[in-house]
Amino acid sequence: MITEKIILWDTKYGRIRCNLYKLMKSKKITLYQLSRLSNIRPEVIKKYADNQMMRYDTSVLSKICFVFNCSISDVIEYVYKK
């Protein structure tokens, strides 16, 4: 059963983290190679990898998953903070 939670302005509710650098390192692929393979601008990939995104684009995430042959949970994850 899900308990009711209220999100307050000062509540630490966690964040979304992108693991793109870790994926790129494990597959030995550079930012520019990923850009060419996925047809995503390098600036956009860098923002994802540096966790500077405010909103995640599903088409960008789909292209990244396609190139790496992975699931979305390999690219982004929810990190809960108490």
C-alpha atoms as a PDB file:
ATOM      1  CA  MET A   1       0.000   0.000   0.000  1.00  0.00           C
ATOM      2  CA  ILE A   2       1.280   3.451  -0.883  1.00  0.00           C
ATOM      3  CA  THR A   3       1.257   5.911   1.965  1.00  0.00           C
ATOM      4  CA  GLU A   4       0.369   9.503   1.326  1.00  0.00           C
ATOM      5  CA  LYS A   5       3.337  11.819   0.954  1.00  0.00           C
ATOM      6  CA  ILE A   6       3.296  15.561   0.666  1.00  0.00           C
ATOM      7  CA  ILE A   7       6.104  17.317  -1.165  1.00  0.00           C
ATOM      8  CA  LEU A   8       7.136  20.456   0.674  1.00  0.00           C
ATOM      9  CA  TRP A   9       9.492  23.145  -0.582  1.00  0.00           C
ATOM     10  CA  ASP A  10      12.182  22.272   1.956  1.00  0.00           C
ATOM     11  CA  THR A  11      11.841  18.484   1.681  1.00  0.00           C
ATOM     12  CA  LYS A  12      14.801  16.487   0.404  1.00  0.00           C
ATOM     13  CA  TYR A  13      12.990  14.143  -1.987  1.00  0.00           C
ATOM     14  CA  GLY A  14      15.917  12.971  -4.108  1.00  0.00           C
ATOM     15  CA  ARG A  15      16.927  13.604  -7.687  1.00  0.00           C
ATOM     16  CA  ILE A  16      17.336  12.048 -11.117  1.00  0.00           C
ATOM     17  CA  ARG A  17      20.924  11.192 -12.044  1.00  0.00           C
ATOM     18  CA  CYS A  18      22.212  10.474 -15.545  1.00  0.00           C
ATOM     19  CA  ASN A  19      24.895   7.789 -15.836  1.00  0.00           C
ATOM     20  CA  LEU A  20      25.936   8.653 -19.365  1.00  0.00           C
ATOM     21  CA  TYR A  21      29.644   9.129 -18.615  1.00  0.00           C
ATOM     22  CA  LYS A  22      29.724   5.698 -16.972  1.00  0.00           C
ATOM     23  CA  LEU A  23      28.051   4.117 -20.026  1.00  0.00           C
ATOM     24  CA  MET A  24      30.381   5.896 -22.426  1.00  0.00           C
ATOM     25  CA  LYS A  25      33.423   4.742 -20.457  1.00  0.00           C
ATOM     26  CA  SER A  26      32.244   1.128 -20.279  1.00  0.00           C
ATOM     27  CA  LYS A  27      31.601   1.012 -24.046  1.00  0.00           C
ATOM     28  CA  LYS A  28      34.773   3.012 -24.836  1.00  0.00           C
ATOM     29  CA  ILE A  29      32.884   5.620 -26.822  1.00  0.00           C
ATOM     30  CA  THR A  30      33.559   9.357 -26.839  1.00  0.00           C
ATOM     31  CA  LEU A  31      31.024  12.127 -26.630  1.00  0.00           C
ATOM     32  CA  TYR A  32      31.574  12.969 -30.292  1.00  0.00           C
ATOM     33  CA  GLN A  33      31.246   9.340 -31.403  1.00  0.00           C
ATOM     34  CA  LEU A  34      27.967   9.114 -29.498  1.00  0.00           C
ATOM     35  CA  SER A  35      26.869  12.336 -31.172  1.00  0.00           C
ATOM     36  CA  ARG A  36      27.563  10.944 -34.639  1.00  0.00           C
ATOM     37  CA  LEU A  37      25.949   7.568 -33.935  1.00  0.00           C
ATOM     38  CA  SER A  38      22.822   9.008 -32.343  1.00  0.00           C
ATOM     39  CA  ASN A  39      22.438  12.202 -34.372  1.00  0.00           C
ATOM     40  CA  ILE A  40      22.262  14.229 -31.138  1.00  0.00           C
ATOM     41  CA  ARG A  41      24.174  17.504 -30.877  1.00  0.00           C
ATOM     42  CA  PRO A  42      27.320  17.211 -28.691  1.00  0.00           C
ATOM     43  CA  GLU A  43      26.106  20.091 -26.489  1.00  0.00           C
ATOM     44  CA  VAL A  44      22.958  18.153 -25.635  1.00  0.00           C
ATOM     45  CA  ILE A  45      24.893  14.980 -24.810  1.00  0.00           C
ATOM     46  CA  LYS A  46      27.249  16.987 -22.590  1.00  0.00           C
ATOM     47  CA  LYS A  47      24.296  18.471 -20.670  1.00  0.00           C
ATOM     48  CA  TYR A  48      22.885  14.988 -20.091  1.00  0.00           C
ATOM     49  CA  ALA A  49      26.266  13.594 -19.033  1.00  0.00           C
ATOM     50  CA  ASP A  50      26.912  16.533 -16.675  1.00  0.00           C
ATOM     51  CA  ASN A  51      23.452  16.176 -15.072  1.00  0.00           C
ATOM     52  CA  GLN A  52      22.447  19.674 -16.134  1.00  0.00           C
ATOM     53  CA  MET A  53      19.094  18.749 -17.679  1.00  0.00           C
ATOM     54  CA  MET A  54      15.883  20.189 -16.276  1.00  0.00           C
ATOM     55  CA  ARG A  55      13.660  18.086 -18.550  1.00  0.00           C
ATOM     56  CA  TYR A  56      14.584  14.833 -20.248  1.00  0.00           C
ATOM     57  CA  ASP A  57      13.565  14.375 -23.880  1.00  0.00           C
ATOM     58  CA  THR A  58      12.206  10.899 -24.610  1.00  0.00           C
ATOM     59  CA  SER A  59      13.531  10.883 -28.178  1.00  0.00           C
ATOM     60  CA  VAL A  60      17.064  11.703 -26.948  1.00  0.00           C
ATOM     61  CA  LEU A  61      16.861   8.992 -24.300  1.00  0.00           C
ATOM     62  CA  SER A  62      15.541   6.519 -26.878  1.00  0.00           C
ATOM     63  CA  LYS A  63      18.443   7.230 -29.215  1.00  0.00           C
ATOM     64  CA  ILE A  64      20.953   6.810 -26.390  1.00  0.00           C
ATOM     65  CA  CYS A  65      19.381   3.484 -25.385  1.00  0.00           C
ATOM     66  CA  PHE A  66      19.417   2.336 -29.007  1.00  0.00           C
ATOM     67  CA  VAL A  67      23.115   3.159 -29.483  1.00  0.00           C
ATOM     68  CA  PHE A  68      24.133   1.462 -26.224  1.00  0.00           C
ATOM     69  CA  ASN A  69      21.594  -1.367 -26.561  1.00  0.00           C
ATOM     70  CA  CYS A  70      20.509  -0.780 -22.969  1.00  0.00           C
ATOM     71  CA  SER A  71      17.427   0.067 -20.936  1.00  0.00           C
ATOM     72  CA  ILE A  72      16.417   3.487 -19.667  1.00  0.00           C
ATOM     73  CA  SER A  73      17.392   2.489 -16.125  1.00  0.00           C
ATOM     74  CA  ASP A  74      20.976   2.114 -17.339  1.00  0.00           C
ATOM     75  CA  VAL A  75      20.962   5.741 -18.502  1.00  0.00           C
ATOM     76  CA  ILE A  76      19.035   7.523 -15.743  1.00  0.00           C
ATOM     77  CA  GLU A  77      18.197   6.613 -12.167  1.00  0.00           C
ATOM     78  CA  TYR A  78      16.338   8.034  -9.189  1.00  0.00           C
ATOM     79  CA  VAL A  79      18.521   8.688  -6.159  1.00  0.00           C
ATOM     80  CA  TYR A  80      16.595   9.023  -2.897  1.00  0.00           C
ATOM     81  CA  LYS A  81      18.018  11.328  -0.229  1.00  0.00           C
ATOM     82  CA  LYS A  82      16.852  11.177   3.374  1.00  0.00           C
END
